[in-house]
Protein backbone atom coordinates (compact mmCIF):
# COMPACT_ATOMS: atom_id res chain seq x y z
CA MET A 1 38.84 9.95 -43.43
CA SER A 2 37.86 12.47 -40.85
CA PHE A 3 34.17 11.04 -41.29
CA LEU A 4 35.35 7.70 -40.50
CA LYS A 5 37.36 8.78 -37.26
CA LEU A 6 34.19 10.35 -36.26
CA GLN A 7 31.98 7.48 -36.94
CA VAL A 8 34.55 5.19 -34.80
CA ARG A 9 34.64 7.83 -31.97
CA SER A 10 30.77 7.85 -31.73
CA GLY A 11 30.69 4.13 -31.61
CA ILE A 12 33.40 3.88 -28.89
CA GLN A 13 31.58 6.38 -26.72
CA ARG A 14 28.37 4.71 -27.03
CA PHE A 15 29.95 1.23 -25.94
CA THR A 16 31.69 2.87 -23.27
CA LEU A 17 28.24 4.39 -22.05
CA VAL A 18 26.46 1.13 -22.21
CA VAL A 19 29.33 -0.62 -20.27
CA LEU A 20 29.30 2.10 -17.83
CA ALA A 21 25.47 2.00 -17.33
CA GLY A 22 25.44 -1.79 -17.07
CA MET A 23 28.30 -1.59 -14.50
CA ILE A 24 26.27 0.75 -12.28
CA TRP A 25 23.07 -1.40 -12.58
CA LEU A 26 25.02 -4.53 -11.49
CA LEU A 27 26.81 -2.68 -8.69
CA SER A 28 23.57 -1.17 -7.46
CA SER A 29 21.97 -4.58 -7.47
CA LEU A 30 24.76 -5.92 -5.36
CA PHE A 31 24.73 -3.55 -2.73
CA ALA A 32 21.16 -3.38 -2.55
CA PRO A 33 19.73 -4.07 1.23
CA ALA A 34 18.92 -7.56 1.67
CA TYR A 35 15.99 -8.40 3.62
CA ALA A 36 15.87 -11.62 5.77
CA ASP A 37 12.72 -13.59 5.12
CA ASN A 38 10.96 -14.12 8.37
CA ALA A 39 9.53 -17.52 7.48
CA SER A 40 6.22 -15.93 7.15
CA ASP A 41 3.83 -16.70 4.30
CA VAL A 42 1.79 -13.58 5.32
CA GLU A 43 2.07 -10.70 2.99
CA ARG A 44 2.96 -7.55 5.07
CA TYR A 45 1.50 -4.24 4.36
CA ILE A 46 3.68 -1.44 5.89
CA ALA A 47 2.70 2.41 5.47
CA ALA A 48 5.17 5.02 4.48
CA ASP A 49 5.45 6.02 8.15
CA GLY A 50 6.22 2.49 9.30
CA THR A 51 3.01 1.53 10.61
CA ASP A 52 2.06 -2.17 9.88
CA LEU A 53 -1.41 -2.26 8.27
CA THR A 54 -1.44 -5.97 7.73
CA ALA A 55 -4.58 -6.39 10.15
CA VAL A 56 -6.34 -3.79 8.35
CA ALA A 57 -5.74 -5.73 4.94
CA GLN A 58 -6.56 -9.09 6.40
CA CYS A 59 -9.83 -7.87 7.92
CA LEU A 60 -11.19 -6.05 5.15
CA PRO A 61 -14.58 -7.94 4.18
CA LYS A 62 -15.12 -8.59 0.93
CA GLN A 63 -18.08 -6.55 0.27
CA LEU A 64 -16.28 -3.35 1.64
CA SER A 65 -13.51 -3.80 -0.89
CA GLN A 66 -15.65 -3.90 -3.96
CA GLY A 67 -17.68 -0.90 -5.21
CA SER A 68 -21.41 -1.28 -4.93
CA LEU A 69 -24.02 1.58 -5.75
CA ALA A 70 -26.76 -0.27 -3.83
CA ARG A 71 -24.47 -0.50 -0.74
CA ALA A 72 -23.42 2.96 -0.87
CA LEU A 73 -27.11 4.00 -1.09
CA ARG A 74 -27.87 1.72 1.95
CA GLU A 75 -25.06 2.77 4.03
CA SER A 76 -25.77 6.54 3.22
CA GLN A 77 -28.61 6.13 5.60
CA ASN A 78 -26.56 4.80 8.60
CA ASP A 79 -25.44 8.11 9.88
CA PHE A 80 -22.91 8.49 7.14
CA LEU A 81 -22.69 12.24 7.34
CA GLU A 82 -22.56 12.21 10.95
CA LYS A 83 -19.52 9.73 10.65
CA VAL A 84 -17.82 11.82 8.25
CA PHE A 85 -18.17 15.10 10.26
CA ASP A 86 -17.61 13.04 13.66
CA VAL A 87 -20.56 14.52 15.33
CA LYS A 88 -20.98 12.11 18.20
CA ASP A 89 -18.37 11.46 20.84
CA ASN A 90 -18.49 7.64 20.81
CA TYR A 91 -18.16 5.89 17.54
CA SER A 92 -20.45 3.01 18.82
CA ASP A 93 -23.29 5.53 18.92
CA TYR A 94 -23.58 5.62 15.14
CA LYS A 95 -25.90 3.04 13.27
CA LEU A 96 -23.42 0.49 12.09
CA ASP A 97 -23.74 -1.94 9.13
CA ASP A 98 -23.00 -5.53 9.92
CA SER A 99 -20.04 -5.41 7.68
CA GLU A 100 -18.58 -2.31 9.60
CA VAL A 101 -19.19 -4.21 13.00
CA GLU A 102 -17.31 -7.47 11.49
CA TYR A 103 -14.43 -5.28 10.18
CA LEU A 104 -14.15 -3.51 13.56
CA THR A 105 -14.18 -6.66 15.72
CA CYS A 106 -11.67 -8.20 13.67
CA LEU A 107 -9.25 -5.52 13.80
CA GLU A 108 -9.73 -5.59 17.64
CA SER A 109 -8.97 -9.25 17.63
CA LYS A 110 -5.58 -8.64 15.80
CA GLY A 111 -4.64 -5.80 18.49
CA PHE A 112 -5.23 -3.26 15.88
CA VAL A 113 -6.57 -0.02 17.36
CA SER A 114 -8.64 1.75 14.59
CA GLN A 115 -8.60 5.36 14.35
CA VAL A 116 -12.46 5.62 15.30
CA ASN A 117 -11.83 4.04 18.54
CA ARG A 118 -8.87 6.24 19.64
């Protein structure tokens, strides 16, 4: 008889736990913050510190977003190490690839000031 009581008690505890977990999940979804849709179809990219990076994502040329060994070797000749170690005072003094120029121009047109121009 005690074995049966133990099984019933264990079943009741499991059932109670499942109901409690379900209620917590339901309540957390009900009280989750709701964000209004700004009627914008554009996907927004927000950094952890709150900086809006949408312009960066929209302006990124396809050739810069995909890996290419040939492009990496070609661009390694374009003052790559000098850019990495920030040797020159003005970023426009470096030898820039067409895709870099296109990217920086697009950022400026959207009002985004890139780190290299600060």
